[in-house]
mmCIF file of all heavy atoms, coordinates in Angstrom:
data_MODEL
# 
_entry.id   MODEL 
# 
loop_
_atom_site.group_PDB 
_atom_site.id 
_atom_site.type_symbol 
_atom_site.label_atom_id 
_atom_site.label_alt_id 
_atom_site.label_comp_id 
_atom_site.label_asym_id 
_atom_site.label_entity_id 
_atom_site.label_seq_id 
_atom_site.pdbx_PDB_ins_code 
_atom_site.Cartn_x 
_atom_site.Cartn_y 
_atom_site.Cartn_z 
_atom_site.occupancy 
_atom_site.B_iso_or_equiv 
_atom_site.pdbx_formal_charge 
_atom_site.auth_seq_id 
_atom_site.auth_comp_id 
_atom_site.auth_asym_id 
_atom_site.auth_atom_id 
_atom_site.pdbx_PDB_model_num 
ATOM 1   N N   . ASP A 1 1  ? 116.243 108.164 91.689 1.00 0.00 ? 1  ASP A N   1 
ATOM 2   C CA  . ASP A 1 1  ? 115.061 108.764 92.383 1.00 0.00 ? 1  ASP A CA  1 
ATOM 3   C C   . ASP A 1 1  ? 114.016 109.143 91.397 1.00 0.00 ? 1  ASP A C   1 
ATOM 4   O O   . ASP A 1 1  ? 114.244 109.848 90.446 1.00 0.00 ? 1  ASP A O   1 
ATOM 5   C CB  . ASP A 1 1  ? 115.518 110.062 93.032 1.00 0.00 ? 1  ASP A CB  1 
ATOM 6   C CG  . ASP A 1 1  ? 114.553 110.754 93.920 1.00 0.00 ? 1  ASP A CG  1 
ATOM 7   O OD1 . ASP A 1 1  ? 113.332 110.397 93.702 1.00 0.00 ? 1  ASP A OD1 1 
ATOM 8   O OD2 . ASP A 1 1  ? 114.825 111.615 94.770 1.00 0.00 ? 1  ASP A OD2 1 
ATOM 9   N N   . PRO A 1 2  ? 112.828 108.545 91.520 1.00 0.00 ? 2  PRO A N   1 
ATOM 10  C CA  . PRO A 1 2  ? 111.723 108.857 90.532 1.00 0.00 ? 2  PRO A CA  1 
ATOM 11  C C   . PRO A 1 2  ? 111.448 110.226 90.261 1.00 0.00 ? 2  PRO A C   1 
ATOM 12  O O   . PRO A 1 2  ? 111.121 110.681 89.120 1.00 0.00 ? 2  PRO A O   1 
ATOM 13  C CB  . PRO A 1 2  ? 110.581 108.016 91.079 1.00 0.00 ? 2  PRO A CB  1 
ATOM 14  C CG  . PRO A 1 2  ? 111.174 107.004 91.970 1.00 0.00 ? 2  PRO A CG  1 
ATOM 15  C CD  . PRO A 1 2  ? 112.369 107.684 92.568 1.00 0.00 ? 2  PRO A CD  1 
ATOM 16  N N   . ARG A 1 3  ? 111.707 111.131 91.395 1.00 0.00 ? 3  ARG A N   1 
ATOM 17  C CA  . ARG A 1 3  ? 111.413 112.518 91.119 1.00 0.00 ? 3  ARG A CA  1 
ATOM 18  C C   . ARG A 1 3  ? 112.338 113.140 90.165 1.00 0.00 ? 3  ARG A C   1 
ATOM 19  O O   . ARG A 1 3  ? 111.993 114.091 89.393 1.00 0.00 ? 3  ARG A O   1 
ATOM 20  C CB  . ARG A 1 3  ? 111.580 113.161 92.500 1.00 0.00 ? 3  ARG A CB  1 
ATOM 21  C CG  . ARG A 1 3  ? 110.506 112.892 93.503 1.00 0.00 ? 3  ARG A CG  1 
ATOM 22  C CD  . ARG A 1 3  ? 110.850 113.430 94.853 1.00 0.00 ? 3  ARG A CD  1 
ATOM 23  N NE  . ARG A 1 3  ? 111.974 112.855 95.413 1.00 0.00 ? 3  ARG A NE  1 
ATOM 24  C CZ  . ARG A 1 3  ? 112.483 113.140 96.600 1.00 0.00 ? 3  ARG A CZ  1 
ATOM 25  N NH1 . ARG A 1 3  ? 111.830 113.988 97.400 1.00 0.00 ? 3  ARG A NH1 1 
ATOM 26  N NH2 . ARG A 1 3  ? 113.501 112.578 97.056 1.00 0.00 ? 3  ARG A NH2 1 
ATOM 27  N N   . LYS A 1 4  ? 113.631 112.544 90.083 1.00 0.00 ? 4  LYS A N   1 
ATOM 28  C CA  . LYS A 1 4  ? 114.560 113.097 89.082 1.00 0.00 ? 4  LYS A CA  1 
ATOM 29  C C   . LYS A 1 4  ? 114.291 112.683 87.713 1.00 0.00 ? 4  LYS A C   1 
ATOM 30  O O   . LYS A 1 4  ? 114.782 113.118 86.663 1.00 0.00 ? 4  LYS A O   1 
ATOM 31  C CB  . LYS A 1 4  ? 116.019 112.687 89.509 1.00 0.00 ? 4  LYS A CB  1 
ATOM 32  C CG  . LYS A 1 4  ? 116.472 113.314 90.796 1.00 0.00 ? 4  LYS A CG  1 
ATOM 33  C CD  . LYS A 1 4  ? 117.888 112.875 91.052 1.00 0.00 ? 4  LYS A CD  1 
ATOM 34  C CE  . LYS A 1 4  ? 118.365 113.546 92.461 1.00 0.00 ? 4  LYS A CE  1 
ATOM 35  N NZ  . LYS A 1 4  ? 118.352 115.030 92.351 1.00 0.00 ? 4  LYS A NZ  1 
ATOM 36  N N   . LEU A 1 5  ? 113.487 111.515 87.600 1.00 0.00 ? 5  LEU A N   1 
ATOM 37  C CA  . LEU A 1 5  ? 113.251 110.888 86.172 1.00 0.00 ? 5  LEU A CA  1 
ATOM 38  C C   . LEU A 1 5  ? 111.774 111.426 85.703 1.00 0.00 ? 5  LEU A C   1 
ATOM 39  O O   . LEU A 1 5  ? 111.408 111.052 84.645 1.00 0.00 ? 5  LEU A O   1 
ATOM 40  C CB  . LEU A 1 5  ? 113.139 109.477 86.328 1.00 0.00 ? 5  LEU A CB  1 
ATOM 41  C CG  . LEU A 1 5  ? 114.557 108.778 86.573 1.00 0.00 ? 5  LEU A CG  1 
ATOM 42  C CD1 . LEU A 1 5  ? 114.389 107.261 86.666 1.00 0.00 ? 5  LEU A CD1 1 
ATOM 43  C CD2 . LEU A 1 5  ? 115.511 109.086 85.479 1.00 0.00 ? 5  LEU A CD2 1 
ATOM 44  N N   . ALA A 1 6  ? 111.143 112.299 86.493 1.00 0.00 ? 6  ALA A N   1 
ATOM 45  C CA  . ALA A 1 6  ? 109.850 112.701 86.157 1.00 0.00 ? 6  ALA A CA  1 
ATOM 46  C C   . ALA A 1 6  ? 109.808 113.438 84.842 1.00 0.00 ? 6  ALA A C   1 
ATOM 47  O O   . ALA A 1 6  ? 108.755 113.389 84.112 1.00 0.00 ? 6  ALA A O   1 
ATOM 48  C CB  . ALA A 1 6  ? 109.275 113.641 87.176 1.00 0.00 ? 6  ALA A CB  1 
ATOM 49  N N   . GLY A 1 7  ? 110.875 114.082 84.420 1.00 0.00 ? 7  GLY A N   1 
ATOM 50  C CA  . GLY A 1 7  ? 110.778 114.754 83.093 1.00 0.00 ? 7  GLY A CA  1 
ATOM 51  C C   . GLY A 1 7  ? 111.191 113.802 81.927 1.00 0.00 ? 7  GLY A C   1 
ATOM 52  O O   . GLY A 1 7  ? 111.167 114.335 80.768 1.00 0.00 ? 7  GLY A O   1 
ATOM 53  N N   . ASN A 1 8  ? 111.419 112.640 82.219 1.00 0.00 ? 8  ASN A N   1 
ATOM 54  C CA  . ASN A 1 8  ? 111.767 111.662 81.103 1.00 0.00 ? 8  ASN A CA  1 
ATOM 55  C C   . ASN A 1 8  ? 110.803 110.366 81.192 1.00 0.00 ? 8  ASN A C   1 
ATOM 56  O O   . ASN A 1 8  ? 111.066 109.387 81.877 1.00 0.00 ? 8  ASN A O   1 
ATOM 57  C CB  . ASN A 1 8  ? 113.226 111.153 81.223 1.00 0.00 ? 8  ASN A CB  1 
ATOM 58  C CG  . ASN A 1 8  ? 113.692 110.491 80.000 1.00 0.00 ? 8  ASN A CG  1 
ATOM 59  O OD1 . ASN A 1 8  ? 112.911 109.884 79.270 1.00 0.00 ? 8  ASN A OD1 1 
ATOM 60  N ND2 . ASN A 1 8  ? 114.940 110.533 79.766 1.00 0.00 ? 8  ASN A ND2 1 
ATOM 61  N N   . PRO A 1 9  ? 109.625 110.501 80.673 1.00 0.00 ? 9  PRO A N   1 
ATOM 62  C CA  . PRO A 1 9  ? 108.596 109.496 80.827 1.00 0.00 ? 9  PRO A CA  1 
ATOM 63  C C   . PRO A 1 9  ? 108.999 108.148 80.409 1.00 0.00 ? 9  PRO A C   1 
ATOM 64  O O   . PRO A 1 9  ? 108.615 107.162 81.060 1.00 0.00 ? 9  PRO A O   1 
ATOM 65  C CB  . PRO A 1 9  ? 107.366 109.989 79.995 1.00 0.00 ? 9  PRO A CB  1 
ATOM 66  C CG  . PRO A 1 9  ? 107.930 110.981 79.052 1.00 0.00 ? 9  PRO A CG  1 
ATOM 67  C CD  . PRO A 1 9  ? 109.084 111.615 79.813 1.00 0.00 ? 9  PRO A CD  1 
ATOM 68  N N   . VAL A 1 10 ? 109.901 108.101 79.307 1.00 0.00 ? 10 VAL A N   1 
ATOM 69  C CA  . VAL A 1 10 ? 110.241 106.668 78.860 1.00 0.00 ? 10 VAL A CA  1 
ATOM 70  C C   . VAL A 1 10 ? 111.146 106.003 79.912 1.00 0.00 ? 10 VAL A C   1 
ATOM 71  O O   . VAL A 1 10 ? 110.756 104.780 80.247 1.00 0.00 ? 10 VAL A O   1 
ATOM 72  C CB  . VAL A 1 10 ? 111.036 106.840 77.585 1.00 0.00 ? 10 VAL A CB  1 
ATOM 73  C CG1 . VAL A 1 10 ? 111.652 105.508 77.158 1.00 0.00 ? 10 VAL A CG1 1 
ATOM 74  C CG2 . VAL A 1 10 ? 110.145 107.446 76.423 1.00 0.00 ? 10 VAL A CG2 1 
ATOM 75  N N   . ILE A 1 11 ? 112.097 106.686 80.450 1.00 0.00 ? 11 ILE A N   1 
ATOM 76  C CA  . ILE A 1 11 ? 112.957 106.073 81.418 1.00 0.00 ? 11 ILE A CA  1 
ATOM 77  C C   . ILE A 1 11 ? 112.260 105.807 82.751 1.00 0.00 ? 11 ILE A C   1 
ATOM 78  O O   . ILE A 1 11 ? 112.464 104.853 83.456 1.00 0.00 ? 11 ILE A O   1 
ATOM 79  C CB  . ILE A 1 11 ? 114.309 106.883 81.686 1.00 0.00 ? 11 ILE A CB  1 
ATOM 80  C CG1 . ILE A 1 11 ? 114.973 107.020 80.246 1.00 0.00 ? 11 ILE A CG1 1 
ATOM 81  C CG2 . ILE A 1 11 ? 115.253 106.255 82.590 1.00 0.00 ? 11 ILE A CG2 1 
ATOM 82  C CD1 . ILE A 1 11 ? 115.319 105.662 79.593 1.00 0.00 ? 11 ILE A CD1 1 
ATOM 83  N N   . LEU A 1 12 ? 111.396 106.745 83.104 1.00 0.00 ? 12 LEU A N   1 
ATOM 84  C CA  . LEU A 1 12 ? 110.601 106.588 84.301 1.00 0.00 ? 12 LEU A CA  1 
ATOM 85  C C   . LEU A 1 12 ? 109.703 105.275 84.281 1.00 0.00 ? 12 LEU A C   1 
ATOM 86  O O   . LEU A 1 12 ? 109.607 104.487 85.156 1.00 0.00 ? 12 LEU A O   1 
ATOM 87  C CB  . LEU A 1 12 ? 109.701 107.817 84.578 1.00 0.00 ? 12 LEU A CB  1 
ATOM 88  C CG  . LEU A 1 12 ? 108.732 107.691 85.789 1.00 0.00 ? 12 LEU A CG  1 
ATOM 89  C CD1 . LEU A 1 12 ? 109.560 107.497 87.050 1.00 0.00 ? 12 LEU A CD1 1 
ATOM 90  C CD2 . LEU A 1 12 ? 107.928 108.981 85.920 1.00 0.00 ? 12 LEU A CD2 1 
ATOM 91  N N   . THR A 1 13 ? 109.132 105.056 83.042 1.00 0.00 ? 13 THR A N   1 
ATOM 92  C CA  . THR A 1 13 ? 108.298 103.887 82.831 1.00 0.00 ? 13 THR A CA  1 
ATOM 93  C C   . THR A 1 13 ? 109.145 102.661 82.935 1.00 0.00 ? 13 THR A C   1 
ATOM 94  O O   . THR A 1 13 ? 108.793 101.561 83.489 1.00 0.00 ? 13 THR A O   1 
ATOM 95  C CB  . THR A 1 13 ? 107.651 103.961 81.427 1.00 0.00 ? 13 THR A CB  1 
ATOM 96  O OG1 . THR A 1 13 ? 106.912 105.127 81.321 1.00 0.00 ? 13 THR A OG1 1 
ATOM 97  C CG2 . THR A 1 13 ? 106.811 102.675 81.190 1.00 0.00 ? 13 THR A CG2 1 
ATOM 98  N N   . THR A 1 14 ? 110.361 102.687 82.412 1.00 0.00 ? 14 THR A N   1 
ATOM 99  C CA  . THR A 1 14 ? 111.281 101.573 82.455 1.00 0.00 ? 14 THR A CA  1 
ATOM 100 C C   . THR A 1 14 ? 111.715 101.349 83.938 1.00 0.00 ? 14 THR A C   1 
ATOM 101 O O   . THR A 1 14 ? 111.748 100.081 84.313 1.00 0.00 ? 14 THR A O   1 
ATOM 102 C CB  . THR A 1 14 ? 112.620 101.926 81.664 1.00 0.00 ? 14 THR A CB  1 
ATOM 103 O OG1 . THR A 1 14 ? 112.284 102.319 80.301 1.00 0.00 ? 14 THR A OG1 1 
ATOM 104 C CG2 . THR A 1 14 ? 113.559 100.745 81.678 1.00 0.00 ? 14 THR A CG2 1 
ATOM 105 N N   . GLU A 1 15 ? 111.760 102.275 84.775 1.00 0.00 ? 15 GLU A N   1 
ATOM 106 C CA  . GLU A 1 15 ? 112.170 102.064 86.155 1.00 0.00 ? 15 GLU A CA  1 
ATOM 107 C C   . GLU A 1 15 ? 111.002 101.406 86.911 1.00 0.00 ? 15 GLU A C   1 
ATOM 108 O O   . GLU A 1 15 ? 111.123 100.493 87.678 1.00 0.00 ? 15 GLU A O   1 
ATOM 109 C CB  . GLU A 1 15 ? 112.527 103.304 86.809 1.00 0.00 ? 15 GLU A CB  1 
ATOM 110 C CG  . GLU A 1 15 ? 112.988 103.158 88.318 1.00 0.00 ? 15 GLU A CG  1 
ATOM 111 C CD  . GLU A 1 15 ? 113.445 104.515 88.939 1.00 0.00 ? 15 GLU A CD  1 
ATOM 112 O OE1 . GLU A 1 15 ? 112.654 105.497 88.830 1.00 0.00 ? 15 GLU A OE1 1 
ATOM 113 O OE2 . GLU A 1 15 ? 114.558 104.478 89.547 1.00 0.00 ? 15 GLU A OE2 1 
ATOM 114 N N   . ILE A 1 16 ? 109.779 101.890 86.482 1.00 0.00 ? 16 ILE A N   1 
ATOM 115 C CA  . ILE A 1 16 ? 108.594 101.230 87.226 1.00 0.00 ? 16 ILE A CA  1 
ATOM 116 C C   . ILE A 1 16 ? 108.502 99.767  86.883 1.00 0.00 ? 16 ILE A C   1 
ATOM 117 O O   . ILE A 1 16 ? 108.230 98.960  87.846 1.00 0.00 ? 16 ILE A O   1 
ATOM 118 C CB  . ILE A 1 16 ? 107.369 102.048 86.778 1.00 0.00 ? 16 ILE A CB  1 
ATOM 119 C CG1 . ILE A 1 16 ? 107.319 103.439 87.308 1.00 0.00 ? 16 ILE A CG1 1 
ATOM 120 C CG2 . ILE A 1 16 ? 106.044 101.277 87.185 1.00 0.00 ? 16 ILE A CG2 1 
ATOM 121 C CD1 . ILE A 1 16 ? 106.183 104.283 86.786 1.00 0.00 ? 16 ILE A CD1 1 
ATOM 122 N N   . VAL A 1 17 ? 108.721 99.493  85.570 1.00 0.00 ? 17 VAL A N   1 
ATOM 123 C CA  . VAL A 1 17 ? 108.680 98.026  85.156 1.00 0.00 ? 17 VAL A CA  1 
ATOM 124 C C   . VAL A 1 17 ? 109.834 97.303  85.926 1.00 0.00 ? 17 VAL A C   1 
ATOM 125 O O   . VAL A 1 17 ? 109.659 96.149  86.319 1.00 0.00 ? 17 VAL A O   1 
ATOM 126 C CB  . VAL A 1 17 ? 108.787 97.960  83.584 1.00 0.00 ? 17 VAL A CB  1 
ATOM 127 C CG1 . VAL A 1 17 ? 108.909 96.415  83.231 1.00 0.00 ? 17 VAL A CG1 1 
ATOM 128 C CG2 . VAL A 1 17 ? 107.558 98.495  83.004 1.00 0.00 ? 17 VAL A CG2 1 
ATOM 129 N N   . ALA A 1 18 ? 111.002 97.916  86.048 1.00 0.00 ? 18 ALA A N   1 
ATOM 130 C CA  . ALA A 1 18 ? 112.141 97.342  86.675 1.00 0.00 ? 18 ALA A CA  1 
ATOM 131 C C   . ALA A 1 18 ? 111.781 96.959  88.180 1.00 0.00 ? 18 ALA A C   1 
ATOM 132 O O   . ALA A 1 18 ? 112.135 95.891  88.696 1.00 0.00 ? 18 ALA A O   1 
ATOM 133 C CB  . ALA A 1 18 ? 113.394 98.147  86.652 1.00 0.00 ? 18 ALA A CB  1 
ATOM 134 N N   . ILE A 1 19 ? 111.025 97.856  88.778 1.00 0.00 ? 19 ILE A N   1 
ATOM 135 C CA  . ILE A 1 19 ? 110.687 97.674  90.226 1.00 0.00 ? 19 ILE A CA  1 
ATOM 136 C C   . ILE A 1 19 ? 109.683 96.533  90.253 1.00 0.00 ? 19 ILE A C   1 
ATOM 137 O O   . ILE A 1 19 ? 109.814 95.646  91.131 1.00 0.00 ? 19 ILE A O   1 
ATOM 138 C CB  . ILE A 1 19 ? 109.940 98.897  90.724 1.00 0.00 ? 19 ILE A CB  1 
ATOM 139 C CG1 . ILE A 1 19 ? 111.006 100.073 90.894 1.00 0.00 ? 19 ILE A CG1 1 
ATOM 140 C CG2 . ILE A 1 19 ? 109.284 98.662  92.095 1.00 0.00 ? 19 ILE A CG2 1 
ATOM 141 C CD1 . ILE A 1 19 ? 110.459 101.435 91.254 1.00 0.00 ? 19 ILE A CD1 1 
ATOM 142 N N   . LEU A 1 20 ? 108.777 96.468  89.322 1.00 0.00 ? 20 LEU A N   1 
ATOM 143 C CA  . LEU A 1 20 ? 107.797 95.325  89.312 1.00 0.00 ? 20 LEU A CA  1 
ATOM 144 C C   . LEU A 1 20 ? 108.467 93.959  89.095 1.00 0.00 ? 20 LEU A C   1 
ATOM 145 O O   . LEU A 1 20 ? 108.089 93.017  89.714 1.00 0.00 ? 20 LEU A O   1 
ATOM 146 C CB  . LEU A 1 20 ? 106.682 95.584  88.268 1.00 0.00 ? 20 LEU A CB  1 
ATOM 147 C CG  . LEU A 1 20 ? 105.865 96.817  88.492 1.00 0.00 ? 20 LEU A CG  1 
ATOM 148 C CD1 . LEU A 1 20 ? 104.866 96.981  87.319 1.00 0.00 ? 20 LEU A CD1 1 
ATOM 149 C CD2 . LEU A 1 20 ? 104.992 96.613  89.804 1.00 0.00 ? 20 LEU A CD2 1 
ATOM 150 N N   . ALA A 1 21 ? 109.460 93.982  88.092 1.00 0.00 ? 21 ALA A N   1 
ATOM 151 C CA  . ALA A 1 21 ? 110.256 92.802  87.863 1.00 0.00 ? 21 ALA A CA  1 
ATOM 152 C C   . ALA A 1 21 ? 111.066 92.329  89.042 1.00 0.00 ? 21 ALA A C   1 
ATOM 153 O O   . ALA A 1 21 ? 111.113 91.183  89.302 1.00 0.00 ? 21 ALA A O   1 
ATOM 154 C CB  . ALA A 1 21 ? 111.143 93.022  86.653 1.00 0.00 ? 21 ALA A CB  1 
ATOM 155 N N   . THR A 1 22 ? 111.524 93.344  89.867 1.00 0.00 ? 22 THR A N   1 
ATOM 156 C CA  . THR A 1 22 ? 112.296 92.993  91.073 1.00 0.00 ? 22 THR A CA  1 
ATOM 157 C C   . THR A 1 22 ? 111.391 92.341  92.051 1.00 0.00 ? 22 THR A C   1 
ATOM 158 O O   . THR A 1 22 ? 111.790 91.329  92.772 1.00 0.00 ? 22 THR A O   1 
ATOM 159 C CB  . THR A 1 22 ? 112.984 94.248  91.620 1.00 0.00 ? 22 THR A CB  1 
ATOM 160 O OG1 . THR A 1 22 ? 113.767 94.834  90.618 1.00 0.00 ? 22 THR A OG1 1 
ATOM 161 C CG2 . THR A 1 22 ? 113.790 93.864  92.815 1.00 0.00 ? 22 THR A CG2 1 
ATOM 162 N N   . LEU A 1 23 ? 110.224 92.872  92.206 1.00 0.00 ? 23 LEU A N   1 
ATOM 163 C CA  . LEU A 1 23 ? 109.226 92.373  93.114 1.00 0.00 ? 23 LEU A CA  1 
ATOM 164 C C   . LEU A 1 23 ? 108.777 90.920  92.631 1.00 0.00 ? 23 LEU A C   1 
ATOM 165 O O   . LEU A 1 23 ? 108.609 89.993  93.525 1.00 0.00 ? 23 LEU A O   1 
ATOM 166 C CB  . LEU A 1 23 ? 107.993 93.248  93.249 1.00 0.00 ? 23 LEU A CB  1 
ATOM 167 C CG  . LEU A 1 23 ? 108.222 94.673  93.876 1.00 0.00 ? 23 LEU A CG  1 
ATOM 168 C CD1 . LEU A 1 23 ? 106.938 95.477  93.784 1.00 0.00 ? 23 LEU A CD1 1 
ATOM 169 C CD2 . LEU A 1 23 ? 108.646 94.462  95.331 1.00 0.00 ? 23 LEU A CD2 1 
ATOM 170 N N   . SER A 1 24 ? 108.612 90.750  91.374 1.00 0.00 ? 24 SER A N   1 
ATOM 171 C CA  . SER A 1 24 ? 108.357 89.434  90.865 1.00 0.00 ? 24 SER A CA  1 
ATOM 172 C C   . SER A 1 24 ? 109.368 88.450  91.218 1.00 0.00 ? 24 SER A C   1 
ATOM 173 O O   . SER A 1 24 ? 109.145 87.262  91.527 1.00 0.00 ? 24 SER A O   1 
ATOM 174 C CB  . SER A 1 24 ? 108.014 89.550  89.320 1.00 0.00 ? 24 SER A CB  1 
ATOM 175 O OG  . SER A 1 24 ? 107.762 88.250  88.818 1.00 0.00 ? 24 SER A OG  1 
ATOM 176 N N   . ALA A 1 25 ? 110.682 88.831  90.929 1.00 0.00 ? 25 ALA A N   1 
ATOM 177 C CA  . ALA A 1 25 ? 111.835 87.975  91.251 1.00 0.00 ? 25 ALA A CA  1 
ATOM 178 C C   . ALA A 1 25 ? 111.862 87.596  92.742 1.00 0.00 ? 25 ALA A C   1 
ATOM 179 O O   . ALA A 1 25 ? 112.061 86.484  93.113 1.00 0.00 ? 25 ALA A O   1 
ATOM 180 C CB  . ALA A 1 25 ? 113.067 88.614  90.776 1.00 0.00 ? 25 ALA A CB  1 
ATOM 181 N N   . GLY A 1 26 ? 111.583 88.676  93.550 1.00 0.00 ? 26 GLY A N   1 
ATOM 182 C CA  . GLY A 1 26 ? 111.583 88.359  94.984 1.00 0.00 ? 26 GLY A CA  1 
ATOM 183 C C   . GLY A 1 26 ? 110.555 87.375  95.414 1.00 0.00 ? 26 GLY A C   1 
ATOM 184 O O   . GLY A 1 26 ? 110.696 86.490  96.304 1.00 0.00 ? 26 GLY A O   1 
ATOM 185 N N   . LEU A 1 27 ? 109.335 87.552  94.802 1.00 0.00 ? 27 LEU A N   1 
ATOM 186 C CA  . LEU A 1 27 ? 108.261 86.654  95.091 1.00 0.00 ? 27 LEU A CA  1 
ATOM 187 C C   . LEU A 1 27 ? 108.563 85.247  94.675 1.00 0.00 ? 27 LEU A C   1 
ATOM 188 O O   . LEU A 1 27 ? 108.284 84.236  95.401 1.00 0.00 ? 27 LEU A O   1 
ATOM 189 C CB  . LEU A 1 27 ? 106.942 87.110  94.382 1.00 0.00 ? 27 LEU A CB  1 
ATOM 190 C CG  . LEU A 1 27 ? 105.694 86.395  94.627 1.00 0.00 ? 27 LEU A CG  1 
ATOM 191 C CD1 . LEU A 1 27 ? 105.294 86.433  96.133 1.00 0.00 ? 27 LEU A CD1 1 
ATOM 192 C CD2 . LEU A 1 27 ? 104.524 86.936  93.814 1.00 0.00 ? 27 LEU A CD2 1 
ATOM 193 N N   . ALA A 1 28 ? 109.201 85.062  93.462 1.00 0.00 ? 28 ALA A N   1 
ATOM 194 C CA  . ALA A 1 28 ? 109.555 83.725  93.051 1.00 0.00 ? 28 ALA A CA  1 
ATOM 195 C C   . ALA A 1 28 ? 110.501 83.053  93.984 1.00 0.00 ? 28 ALA A C   1 
ATOM 196 O O   . ALA A 1 28 ? 110.396 81.872  94.239 1.00 0.00 ? 28 ALA A O   1 
ATOM 197 C CB  . ALA A 1 28 ? 110.116 83.858  91.602 1.00 0.00 ? 28 ALA A CB  1 
ATOM 198 N N   . ILE A 1 29 ? 111.452 83.883  94.472 1.00 0.00 ? 29 ILE A N   1 
ATOM 199 C CA  . ILE A 1 29 ? 112.439 83.283  95.471 1.00 0.00 ? 29 ILE A CA  1 
ATOM 200 C C   . ILE A 1 29 ? 111.723 82.870  96.726 1.00 0.00 ? 29 ILE A C   1 
ATOM 201 O O   . ILE A 1 29 ? 111.999 81.825  97.314 1.00 0.00 ? 29 ILE A O   1 
ATOM 202 C CB  . ILE A 1 29 ? 113.546 84.319  95.750 1.00 0.00 ? 29 ILE A CB  1 
ATOM 203 C CG1 . ILE A 1 29 ? 114.355 84.584  94.501 1.00 0.00 ? 29 ILE A CG1 1 
ATOM 204 C CG2 . ILE A 1 29 ? 114.462 83.912  96.864 1.00 0.00 ? 29 ILE A CG2 1 
ATOM 205 C CD1 . ILE A 1 29 ? 115.371 85.759  94.616 1.00 0.00 ? 29 ILE A CD1 1 
# 
């Protein structure tokens, strides 16, 4: 849950990039 990661900007940023990568993979499929 992004709200639980709000206090850890590094891991929150990693999750955002993971979401974008997932969308990119879905688009490629």
